[in-house]
Amino acid sequence: MWMNTLPKPWEEEGVDVLEEVEDKEEHDLMVFNDEVNTFDWVIDTLIDVCGHSPEQAEQCTILIHYKGKCSVKKGAFEELAPMRNAICNRGISAEVI
């Protein structure tokens, strides 16, 4: 008679248990369209504040203009909040969602 000598999953030893699960909820830095700020001003802001390339900033600005808003950055709230403040200090409407 043949016997299975492999350990059963419930008999395995040495399994590491994750003690704490860190909540890394990702947020969006949303920038909204207005009738005041120029394309160039928004592009320069996204480059300066968010570290976007000129092409990336331009694409986001076009989306903001035609769609009314664009998520320009994703990340932790603590990372995005200062960026949101810097964008708003330049007269552009933004929120961390």
PDB file of N, CA and C in Angstrom:
ATOM      1  N   MET A   1       0.851  -1.178   0.000  1.00  0.00           N
ATOM      2  CA  MET A   1       0.000   0.000   0.000  1.00  0.00           C
ATOM      3  C   MET A   1       0.890   1.233   0.000  1.00  0.00           C
ATOM      4  N   TRP A   2       0.586   2.205  -0.857  1.00  0.00           N
ATOM      5  CA  TRP A   2       1.366   3.443  -0.988  1.00  0.00           C
ATOM      6  C   TRP A   2       0.851   4.477  -0.011  1.00  0.00           C
ATOM      7  N   MET A   3       1.804   5.201   0.682  1.00  0.00           N
ATOM      8  CA  MET A   3       1.405   6.203   1.670  1.00  0.00           C
ATOM      9  C   MET A   3       1.953   7.559   1.247  1.00  0.00           C
ATOM     10  N   ASN A   4       1.157   8.556   1.421  1.00  0.00           N
ATOM     11  CA  ASN A   4       1.569   9.927   1.130  1.00  0.00           C
ATOM     12  C   ASN A   4       2.344  10.447   2.332  1.00  0.00           C
ATOM     13  N   THR A   5       3.616  10.779   2.114  1.00  0.00           N
ATOM     14  CA  THR A   5       4.451  11.240   3.224  1.00  0.00           C
ATOM     15  C   THR A   5       4.596  12.757   3.254  1.00  0.00           C
ATOM     16  N   LEU A   6       3.914  13.457   2.353  1.00  0.00           N
ATOM     17  CA  LEU A   6       3.963  14.916   2.359  1.00  0.00           C
ATOM     18  C   LEU A   6       3.186  15.442   3.562  1.00  0.00           C
ATOM     19  N   PRO A   7       3.710  16.499   4.186  1.00  0.00           N
ATOM     20  CA  PRO A   7       2.979  17.043   5.333  1.00  0.00           C
ATOM     21  C   PRO A   7       1.661  17.673   4.881  1.00  0.00           C
ATOM     22  N   LYS A   8       0.686  17.568   5.727  1.00  0.00           N
ATOM     23  CA  LYS A   8      -0.601  18.196   5.448  1.00  0.00           C
ATOM     24  C   LYS A   8      -0.485  19.672   5.797  1.00  0.00           C
ATOM     25  N   PRO A   9      -1.198  20.536   5.069  1.00  0.00           N
ATOM     26  CA  PRO A   9      -1.070  21.979   5.309  1.00  0.00           C
ATOM     27  C   PRO A   9      -1.273  22.367   6.769  1.00  0.00           C
ATOM     28  N   TRP A  10      -2.162  21.722   7.464  1.00  0.00           N
ATOM     29  CA  TRP A  10      -2.415  22.077   8.863  1.00  0.00           C
ATOM     30  C   TRP A  10      -1.350  21.545   9.805  1.00  0.00           C
ATOM     31  N   GLU A  11      -0.439  20.702   9.298  1.00  0.00           N
ATOM     32  CA  GLU A  11       0.620  20.152  10.126  1.00  0.00           C
ATOM     33  C   GLU A  11       1.964  20.859   9.918  1.00  0.00           C
ATOM     34  N   GLU A  12       2.026  21.766   8.940  1.00  0.00           N
ATOM     35  CA  GLU A  12       3.283  22.439   8.658  1.00  0.00           C
ATOM     36  C   GLU A  12       3.692  23.335   9.815  1.00  0.00           C
ATOM     37  N   GLU A  13       4.980  23.376  10.059  1.00  0.00           N
ATOM     38  CA  GLU A  13       5.501  24.228  11.113  1.00  0.00           C
ATOM     39  C   GLU A  13       6.380  25.306  10.494  1.00  0.00           C
ATOM     40  N   GLY A  14       6.642  26.335  11.257  1.00  0.00           N
ATOM     41  CA  GLY A  14       7.533  27.388  10.804  1.00  0.00           C
ATOM     42  C   GLY A  14       6.894  28.371   9.853  1.00  0.00           C
ATOM     43  N   VAL A  15       5.582  28.446   9.865  1.00  0.00           N
ATOM     44  CA  VAL A  15       4.896  29.399   9.000  1.00  0.00           C
ATOM     45  C   VAL A  15       4.886  30.750   9.700  1.00  0.00           C
ATOM     46  N   ASP A  16       5.387  31.767   9.015  1.00  0.00           N
ATOM     47  CA  ASP A  16       5.394  33.117   9.585  1.00  0.00           C
ATOM     48  C   ASP A  16       3.996  33.711   9.507  1.00  0.00           C
ATOM     49  N   VAL A  17       3.621  34.346  10.584  1.00  0.00           N
ATOM     50  CA  VAL A  17       2.321  35.008  10.632  1.00  0.00           C
ATOM     51  C   VAL A  17       2.567  36.502  10.602  1.00  0.00           C
ATOM     52  N   LEU A  18       1.862  37.159   9.729  1.00  0.00           N
ATOM     53  CA  LEU A  18       1.965  38.607   9.643  1.00  0.00           C
ATOM     54  C   LEU A  18       1.312  39.200  10.874  1.00  0.00           C
ATOM     55  N   GLU A  19       2.103  39.908  11.666  1.00  0.00           N
ATOM     56  CA  GLU A  19       1.602  40.411  12.937  1.00  0.00           C
ATOM     57  C   GLU A  19       0.777  41.669  12.784  1.00  0.00           C
ATOM     58  N   GLU A  20       1.155  42.524  11.846  1.00  0.00           N
ATOM     59  CA  GLU A  20       0.445  43.783  11.693  1.00  0.00           C
ATOM     60  C   GLU A  20       0.334  44.110  10.215  1.00  0.00           C
ATOM     61  N   VAL A  21      -0.855  44.446   9.820  1.00  0.00           N
ATOM     62  CA  VAL A  21      -1.087  44.843   8.437  1.00  0.00           C
ATOM     63  C   VAL A  21      -1.156  46.361   8.409  1.00  0.00           C
ATOM     64  N   GLU A  22      -0.263  46.965   7.633  1.00  0.00           N
ATOM     65  CA  GLU A  22      -0.226  48.419   7.545  1.00  0.00           C
ATOM     66  C   GLU A  22      -1.220  48.884   6.496  1.00  0.00           C
ATOM     67  N   ASP A  23      -2.050  49.848   6.887  1.00  0.00           N
ATOM     68  CA  ASP A  23      -3.039  50.390   5.968  1.00  0.00           C
ATOM     69  C   ASP A  23      -2.377  51.451   5.097  1.00  0.00           C
ATOM     70  N   LYS A  24      -2.187  51.134   3.825  1.00  0.00           N
ATOM     71  CA  LYS A  24      -1.557  52.077   2.899  1.00  0.00           C
ATOM     72  C   LYS A  24      -2.590  52.485   1.861  1.00  0.00           C
ATOM     73  N   GLU A  25      -3.607  53.168   2.325  1.00  0.00           N
ATOM     74  CA  GLU A  25      -4.648  53.616   1.414  1.00  0.00           C
ATOM     75  C   GLU A  25      -4.086  54.678   0.490  1.00  0.00           C
ATOM     76  N   GLU A  26      -4.350  54.508  -0.777  1.00  0.00           N
ATOM     77  CA  GLU A  26      -3.854  55.451  -1.762  1.00  0.00           C
ATOM     78  C   GLU A  26      -4.921  56.505  -2.049  1.00  0.00           C
ATOM     79  N   HIS A  27      -4.494  57.738  -2.117  1.00  0.00           N
ATOM     80  CA  HIS A  27      -5.383  58.865  -2.383  1.00  0.00           C
ATOM     81  C   HIS A  27      -5.019  59.495  -3.727  1.00  0.00           C
ATOM     82  N   ASP A  28      -5.930  60.325  -4.224  1.00  0.00           N
ATOM     83  CA  ASP A  28      -5.707  61.071  -5.461  1.00  0.00           C
ATOM     84  C   ASP A  28      -5.580  62.547  -5.146  1.00  0.00           C
ATOM     85  N   LEU A  29      -4.629  63.198  -5.792  1.00  0.00           N
ATOM     86  CA  LEU A  29      -4.539  64.655  -5.761  1.00  0.00           C
ATOM     87  C   LEU A  29      -5.269  65.139  -7.008  1.00  0.00           C
ATOM     88  N   MET A  30      -6.464  65.671  -6.801  1.00  0.00           N
ATOM     89  CA  MET A  30      -7.337  66.073  -7.892  1.00  0.00           C
ATOM     90  C   MET A  30      -7.235  67.577  -8.100  1.00  0.00           C
ATOM     91  N   VAL A  31      -7.004  67.981  -9.336  1.00  0.00           N
ATOM     92  CA  VAL A  31      -6.956  69.395  -9.698  1.00  0.00           C
ATOM     93  C   VAL A  31      -8.174  69.691 -10.567  1.00  0.00           C
ATOM     94  N   PHE A  32      -8.815  70.842 -10.310  1.00  0.00           N
ATOM     95  CA  PHE A  32     -10.064  71.199 -10.965  1.00  0.00           C
ATOM     96  C   PHE A  32      -9.880  72.374 -11.918  1.00  0.00           C
ATOM     97  N   ASN A  33     -10.701  72.381 -12.966  1.00  0.00           N
ATOM     98  CA  ASN A  33     -10.674  73.445 -13.963  1.00  0.00           C
ATOM     99  C   ASN A  33     -11.276  74.736 -13.410  1.00  0.00           C
ATOM    100  N   ASP A  34     -10.822  75.847 -13.935  1.00  0.00           N
ATOM    101  CA  ASP A  34     -11.433  77.148 -13.646  1.00  0.00           C
ATOM    102  C   ASP A  34     -11.299  78.024 -14.878  1.00  0.00           C
ATOM    103  N   GLU A  35     -11.833  79.192 -14.815  1.00  0.00           N
ATOM    104  CA  GLU A  35     -11.777  80.118 -15.942  1.00  0.00           C
ATOM    105  C   GLU A  35     -10.739  81.215 -15.718  1.00  0.00           C
ATOM    106  N   VAL A  36      -9.867  81.038 -14.757  1.00  0.00           N
ATOM    107  CA  VAL A  36      -8.925  82.086 -14.363  1.00  0.00           C
ATOM    108  C   VAL A  36      -7.490  81.758 -14.784  1.00  0.00           C
ATOM    109  N   ASN A  37      -7.032  80.573 -14.445  1.00  0.00           N
ATOM    110  CA  ASN A  37      -5.624  80.213 -14.638  1.00  0.00           C
ATOM    111  C   ASN A  37      -5.338  79.776 -16.070  1.00  0.00           C
ATOM    112  N   THR A  38      -4.168  80.152 -16.545  1.00  0.00           N
ATOM    113  CA  THR A  38      -3.764  79.802 -17.912  1.00  0.00           C
ATOM    114  C   THR A  38      -3.185  78.394 -17.953  1.00  0.00           C
ATOM    115  N   PHE A  39      -3.167  77.824 -19.153  1.00  0.00           N
ATOM    116  CA  PHE A  39      -2.539  76.522 -19.337  1.00  0.00           C
ATOM    117  C   PHE A  39      -1.099  76.551 -18.836  1.00  0.00           C
ATOM    118  N   ASP A  40      -0.362  77.566 -19.241  1.00  0.00           N
ATOM    119  CA  ASP A  40       1.055  77.648 -18.858  1.00  0.00           C
ATOM    120  C   ASP A  40       1.235  77.683 -17.350  1.00  0.00           C
ATOM    121  N   TRP A  41       0.365  78.411 -16.639  1.00  0.00           N
ATOM    122  CA  TRP A  41       0.472  78.510 -15.187  1.00  0.00           C
ATOM    123  C   TRP A  41       0.226  77.147 -14.522  1.00  0.00           C
ATOM    124  N   VAL A  42      -0.788  76.426 -15.003  1.00  0.00           N
ATOM    125  CA  VAL A  42      -1.091  75.110 -14.445  1.00  0.00           C
ATOM    126  C   VAL A  42       0.030  74.126 -14.774  1.00  0.00           C
ATOM    127  N   ILE A  43       0.528  74.159 -15.997  1.00  0.00           N
ATOM    128  CA  ILE A  43       1.641  73.280 -16.394  1.00  0.00           C
ATOM    129  C   ILE A  43       2.857  73.547 -15.516  1.00  0.00           C
ATOM    130  N   ASP A  44       3.233  74.799 -15.366  1.00  0.00           N
ATOM    131  CA  ASP A  44       4.396  75.152 -14.526  1.00  0.00           C
ATOM    132  C   ASP A  44       4.188  74.709 -13.085  1.00  0.00           C
ATOM    133  N   THR A  45       2.961  74.840 -12.590  1.00  0.00           N
ATOM    134  CA  THR A  45       2.660  74.426 -11.217  1.00  0.00           C
ATOM    135  C   THR A  45       2.834  72.923 -11.054  1.00  0.00           C
ATOM    136  N   LEU A  46       2.321  72.145 -11.993  1.00  0.00           N
ATOM    137  CA  LEU A  46       2.438  70.687 -11.893  1.00  0.00           C
ATOM    138  C   LEU A  46       3.894  70.234 -11.989  1.00  0.00           C
ATOM    139  N   ILE A  47       4.679  70.923 -12.781  1.00  0.00           N
ATOM    140  CA  ILE A  47       6.106  70.609 -12.879  1.00  0.00           C
ATOM    141  C   ILE A  47       6.801  70.933 -11.559  1.00  0.00           C
ATOM    142  N   ASP A  48       6.542  72.129 -11.035  1.00  0.00           N
ATOM    143  CA  ASP A  48       7.209  72.578  -9.804  1.00  0.00           C
ATOM    144  C   ASP A  48       6.761  71.811  -8.567  1.00  0.00           C
ATOM    145  N   VAL A  49       5.471  71.624  -8.422  1.00  0.00           N
ATOM    146  CA  VAL A  49       4.922  71.060  -7.188  1.00  0.00           C
ATOM    147  C   VAL A  49       4.912  69.530  -7.195  1.00  0.00           C
ATOM    148  N   CYS A  50       4.503  68.946  -8.314  1.00  0.00           N
ATOM    149  CA  CYS A  50       4.318  67.489  -8.374  1.00  0.00           C
ATOM    150  C   CYS A  50       5.494  66.747  -8.995  1.00  0.00           C
ATOM    151  N   GLY A  51       6.436  67.488  -9.569  1.00  0.00           N
ATOM    152  CA  GLY A  51       7.581  66.835 -10.204  1.00  0.00           C
ATOM    153  C   GLY A  51       7.252  66.209 -11.545  1.00  0.00           C
ATOM    154  N   HIS A  52       6.205  66.682 -12.196  1.00  0.00           N
ATOM    155  CA  HIS A  52       5.836  66.151 -13.511  1.00  0.00           C
ATOM    156  C   HIS A  52       6.846  66.571 -14.574  1.00  0.00           C
ATOM    157  N   SER A  53       6.958  65.756 -15.599  1.00  0.00           N
ATOM    158  CA  SER A  53       7.690  66.166 -16.794  1.00  0.00           C
ATOM    159  C   SER A  53       6.815  67.183 -17.519  1.00  0.00           C
ATOM    160  N   PRO A  54       7.402  67.991 -18.404  1.00  0.00           N
ATOM    161  CA  PRO A  54       6.571  68.937 -19.154  1.00  0.00           C
ATOM    162  C   PRO A  54       5.448  68.252 -19.933  1.00  0.00           C
ATOM    163  N   GLU A  55       5.725  67.098 -20.526  1.00  0.00           N
ATOM    164  CA  GLU A  55       4.706  66.373 -21.290  1.00  0.00           C
ATOM    165  C   GLU A  55       3.580  65.880 -20.388  1.00  0.00           C
ATOM    166  N   GLN A  56       3.942  65.339 -19.251  1.00  0.00           N
ATOM    167  CA  GLN A  56       2.949  64.838 -18.306  1.00  0.00           C
ATOM    168  C   GLN A  56       2.081  65.985 -17.781  1.00  0.00           C
ATOM    169  N   ALA A  57       2.712  67.105 -17.446  1.00  0.00           N
ATOM    170  CA  ALA A  57       1.974  68.270 -16.944  1.00  0.00           C
ATOM    171  C   ALA A  57       1.019  68.800 -18.016  1.00  0.00           C
ATOM    172  N   GLU A  58       1.471  68.822 -19.262  1.00  0.00           N
ATOM    173  CA  GLU A  58       0.615  69.294 -20.347  1.00  0.00           C
ATOM    174  C   GLU A  58      -0.587  68.376 -20.541  1.00  0.00           C
ATOM    175  N   GLN A  59      -0.362  67.065 -20.513  1.00  0.00           N
ATOM    176  CA  GLN A  59      -1.461  66.113 -20.669  1.00  0.00           C
ATOM    177  C   GLN A  59      -2.485  66.261 -19.542  1.00  0.00           C
ATOM    178  N   CYS A  60      -2.012  66.408 -18.309  1.00  0.00           N
ATOM    179  CA  CYS A  60      -2.923  66.601 -17.181  1.00  0.00           C
ATOM    180  C   CYS A  60      -3.716  67.889 -17.342  1.00  0.00           C
ATOM    181  N   THR A  61      -3.056  68.943 -17.776  1.00  0.00           N
ATOM    182  CA  THR A  61      -3.715  70.235 -17.941  1.00  0.00           C
ATOM    183  C   THR A  61      -4.803  70.165 -19.012  1.00  0.00           C
ATOM    184  N   ILE A  62      -4.551  69.450 -20.088  1.00  0.00           N
ATOM    185  CA  ILE A  62      -5.568  69.268 -21.135  1.00  0.00           C
ATOM    186  C   ILE A  62      -6.770  68.513 -20.574  1.00  0.00           C
ATOM    187  N   LEU A  63      -6.514  67.465 -19.787  1.00  0.00           N
ATOM    188  CA  LEU A  63      -7.609  66.719 -19.164  1.00  0.00           C
ATOM    189  C   LEU A  63      -8.395  67.599 -18.197  1.00  0.00           C
ATOM    190  N   ILE A  64      -7.693  68.398 -17.411  1.00  0.00           N
ATOM    191  CA  ILE A  64      -8.356  69.318 -16.479  1.00  0.00           C
ATOM    192  C   ILE A  64      -9.281  70.247 -17.258  1.00  0.00           C
ATOM    193  N   HIS A  65      -8.785  70.785 -18.348  1.00  0.00           N
ATOM    194  CA  HIS A  65      -9.563  71.741 -19.150  1.00  0.00           C
ATOM    195  C   HIS A  65     -10.815  71.099 -19.756  1.00  0.00           C
ATOM    196  N   TYR A  66     -10.654  69.935 -20.387  1.00  0.00           N
ATOM    197  CA  TYR A  66     -11.759  69.334 -21.121  1.00  0.00           C
ATOM    198  C   TYR A  66     -12.669  68.457 -20.269  1.00  0.00           C
ATOM    199  N   LYS A  67     -12.142  67.850 -19.224  1.00  0.00           N
ATOM    200  CA  LYS A  67     -12.959  66.966 -18.373  1.00  0.00           C
ATOM    201  C   LYS A  67     -13.392  67.645 -17.075  1.00  0.00           C
ATOM    202  N   GLY A  68     -12.792  68.794 -16.757  1.00  0.00           N
ATOM    203  CA  GLY A  68     -13.168  69.512 -15.547  1.00  0.00           C
ATOM    204  C   GLY A  68     -12.319  69.193 -14.340  1.00  0.00           C
ATOM    205  N   LYS A  69     -11.573  68.088 -14.424  1.00  0.00           N
ATOM    206  CA  LYS A  69     -10.689  67.696 -13.321  1.00  0.00           C
ATOM    207  C   LYS A  69      -9.760  66.593 -13.800  1.00  0.00           C
ATOM    208  N   CYS A  70      -8.697  66.389 -13.021  1.00  0.00           N
ATOM    209  CA  CYS A  70      -7.750  65.317 -13.333  1.00  0.00           C
ATOM    210  C   CYS A  70      -7.014  64.934 -12.058  1.00  0.00           C
ATOM    211  N   SER A  71      -6.841  63.635 -11.862  1.00  0.00           N
ATOM    212  CA  SER A  71      -6.001  63.147 -10.777  1.00  0.00           C
ATOM    213  C   SER A  71      -4.551  63.275 -11.243  1.00  0.00           C
ATOM    214  N   VAL A  72      -3.813  64.209 -10.639  1.00  0.00           N
ATOM    215  CA  VAL A  72      -2.457  64.503 -11.098  1.00  0.00           C
ATOM    216  C   VAL A  72      -1.391  63.717 -10.346  1.00  0.00           C
ATOM    217  N   LYS A  73      -1.786  63.074  -9.234  1.00  0.00           N
ATOM    218  CA  LYS A  73      -0.809  62.314  -8.439  1.00  0.00           C
ATOM    219  C   LYS A  73      -1.572  61.359  -7.534  1.00  0.00           C
ATOM    220  N   LYS A  74      -0.999  60.186  -7.281  1.00  0.00           N
ATOM    221  CA  LYS A  74      -1.549  59.219  -6.333  1.00  0.00           C
ATOM    222  C   LYS A  74      -0.526  58.991  -5.238  1.00  0.00           C
ATOM    223  N   GLY A  75      -1.015  58.743  -4.025  1.00  0.00           N
ATOM    224  CA  GLY A  75      -0.098  58.458  -2.941  1.00  0.00           C
ATOM    225  C   GLY A  75      -0.775  58.562  -1.594  1.00  0.00           C
ATOM    226  N   ALA A  76       0.041  58.559  -0.555  1.00  0.00           N
ATOM    227  CA  ALA A  76      -0.455  58.670   0.811  1.00  0.00           C
ATOM    228  C   ALA A  76      -0.927  60.100   1.066  1.00  0.00           C
ATOM    229  N   PHE A  77      -1.920  60.236   1.926  1.00  0.00           N
ATOM    230  CA  PHE A  77      -2.457  61.546   2.247  1.00  0.00           C
ATOM    231  C   PHE A  77      -1.362  62.481   2.731  1.00  0.00           C
ATOM    232  N   GLU A  78      -0.464  61.970   3.558  1.00  0.00           N
ATOM    233  CA  GLU A  78       0.612  62.788   4.135  1.00  0.00           C
ATOM    234  C   GLU A  78       1.546  63.340   3.062  1.00  0.00           C
ATOM    235  N   GLU A  79       1.698  62.617   1.969  1.00  0.00           N
ATOM    236  CA  GLU A  79       2.535  63.068   0.858  1.00  0.00           C
ATOM    237  C   GLU A  79       1.810  64.096  -0.004  1.00  0.00           C
ATOM    238  N   LEU A  80       0.513  63.882  -0.201  1.00  0.00           N
ATOM    239  CA  LEU A  80      -0.255  64.718  -1.127  1.00  0.00           C
ATOM    240  C   LEU A  80      -0.747  66.028  -0.518  1.00  0.00           C
ATOM    241  N   ALA A  81      -0.991  66.058   0.785  1.00  0.00           N
ATOM    242  CA  ALA A  81      -1.540  67.261   1.421  1.00  0.00           C
ATOM    243  C   ALA A  81      -0.660  68.494   1.222  1.00  0.00           C
ATOM    244  N   PRO A  82       0.668  68.413   1.415  1.00  0.00           N
ATOM    245  CA  PRO A  82       1.487  69.598   1.157  1.00  0.00           C
ATOM    246  C   PRO A  82       1.464  70.038  -0.310  1.00  0.00           C
ATOM    247  N   MET A  83       1.372  69.075  -1.225  1.00  0.00           N
ATOM    248  CA  MET A  83       1.266  69.416  -2.647  1.00  0.00           C
ATOM    249  C   MET A  83      -0.045  70.134  -2.925  1.00  0.00           C
ATOM    250  N   ARG A  84      -1.108  69.645  -2.335  1.00  0.00           N
ATOM    251  CA  ARG A  84      -2.411  70.290  -2.493  1.00  0.00           C
ATOM    252  C   ARG A  84      -2.346  71.731  -1.994  1.00  0.00           C
ATOM    253  N   ASN A  85      -1.731  71.941  -0.855  1.00  0.00           N
ATOM    254  CA  ASN A  85      -1.613  73.291  -0.302  1.00  0.00           C
ATOM    255  C   ASN A  85      -0.805  74.200  -1.219  1.00  0.00           C
ATOM    256  N   ALA A  86       0.289  73.676  -1.766  1.00  0.00           N
ATOM    257  CA  ALA A  86       1.131  74.474  -2.663  1.00  0.00           C
ATOM    258  C   ALA A  86       0.379  74.836  -3.940  1.00  0.00           C
ATOM    259  N   ILE A  87      -0.414  73.897  -4.455  1.00  0.00           N
ATOM    260  CA  ILE A  87      -1.205  74.171  -5.662  1.00  0.00           C
ATOM    261  C   ILE A  87      -2.257  75.234  -5.356  1.00  0.00           C
ATOM    262  N   CYS A  88      -2.945  75.091  -4.236  1.00  0.00           N
ATOM    263  CA  CYS A  88      -3.984  76.071  -3.858  1.00  0.00           C
ATOM    264  C   CYS A  88      -3.373  77.447  -3.586  1.00  0.00           C
ATOM    265  N   ASN A  89      -2.158  77.481  -3.041  1.00  0.00           N
ATOM    266  CA  ASN A  89      -1.490  78.754  -2.794  1.00  0.00           C
ATOM    267  C   ASN A  89      -1.178  79.494  -4.100  1.00  0.00           C
ATOM    268  N   ARG A  90      -1.183  78.767  -5.213  1.00  0.00           N
ATOM    269  CA  ARG A  90      -0.966  79.376  -6.521  1.00  0.00           C
ATOM    270  C   ARG A  90      -2.281  79.731  -7.210  1.00  0.00           C
ATOM    271  N   GLY A  91      -3.386  79.623  -6.461  1.00  0.00           N
ATOM    272  CA  GLY A  91      -4.681  80.020  -6.996  1.00  0.00           C
ATOM    273  C   GLY A  91      -5.390  78.962  -7.825  1.00  0.00           C
ATOM    274  N   ILE A  92      -4.950  77.723  -7.719  1.00  0.00           N
ATOM    275  CA  ILE A  92      -5.551  76.615  -8.484  1.00  0.00           C
ATOM    276  C   ILE A  92      -6.307  75.731  -7.496  1.00  0.00           C
ATOM    277  N   SER A  93      -7.489  75.324  -7.879  1.00  0.00           N
ATOM    278  CA  SER A  93      -8.325  74.502  -7.012  1.00  0.00           C
ATOM    279  C   SER A  93      -7.875  73.043  -7.046  1.00  0.00           C
ATOM    280  N   ALA A  94      -7.631  72.465  -5.852  1.00  0.00           N
ATOM    281  CA  ALA A  94      -7.185  71.076  -5.761  1.00  0.00           C
ATOM    282  C   ALA A  94      -7.674  70.477  -4.451  1.00  0.00           C
ATOM    283  N   GLU A  95      -7.854  69.168  -4.449  1.00  0.00           N
ATOM    284  CA  GLU A  95      -8.271  68.440  -3.253  1.00  0.00           C
ATOM    285  C   GLU A  95      -7.585  67.073  -3.216  1.00  0.00           C
ATOM    286  N   VAL A  96      -7.353  66.574  -2.019  1.00  0.00           N
ATOM    287  CA  VAL A  96      -6.890  65.202  -1.843  1.00  0.00           C
ATOM    288  C   VAL A  96      -8.141  64.365  -1.591  1.00  0.00           C
ATOM    289  N   ILE A  97      -8.345  63.389  -2.447  1.00  0.00           N
ATOM    290  CA  ILE A  97      -9.548  62.548  -2.369  1.00  0.00           C
ATOM    291  C   ILE A  97      -9.151  61.121  -2.067  1.00  0.00           C
TER     292      ILE A  97
END
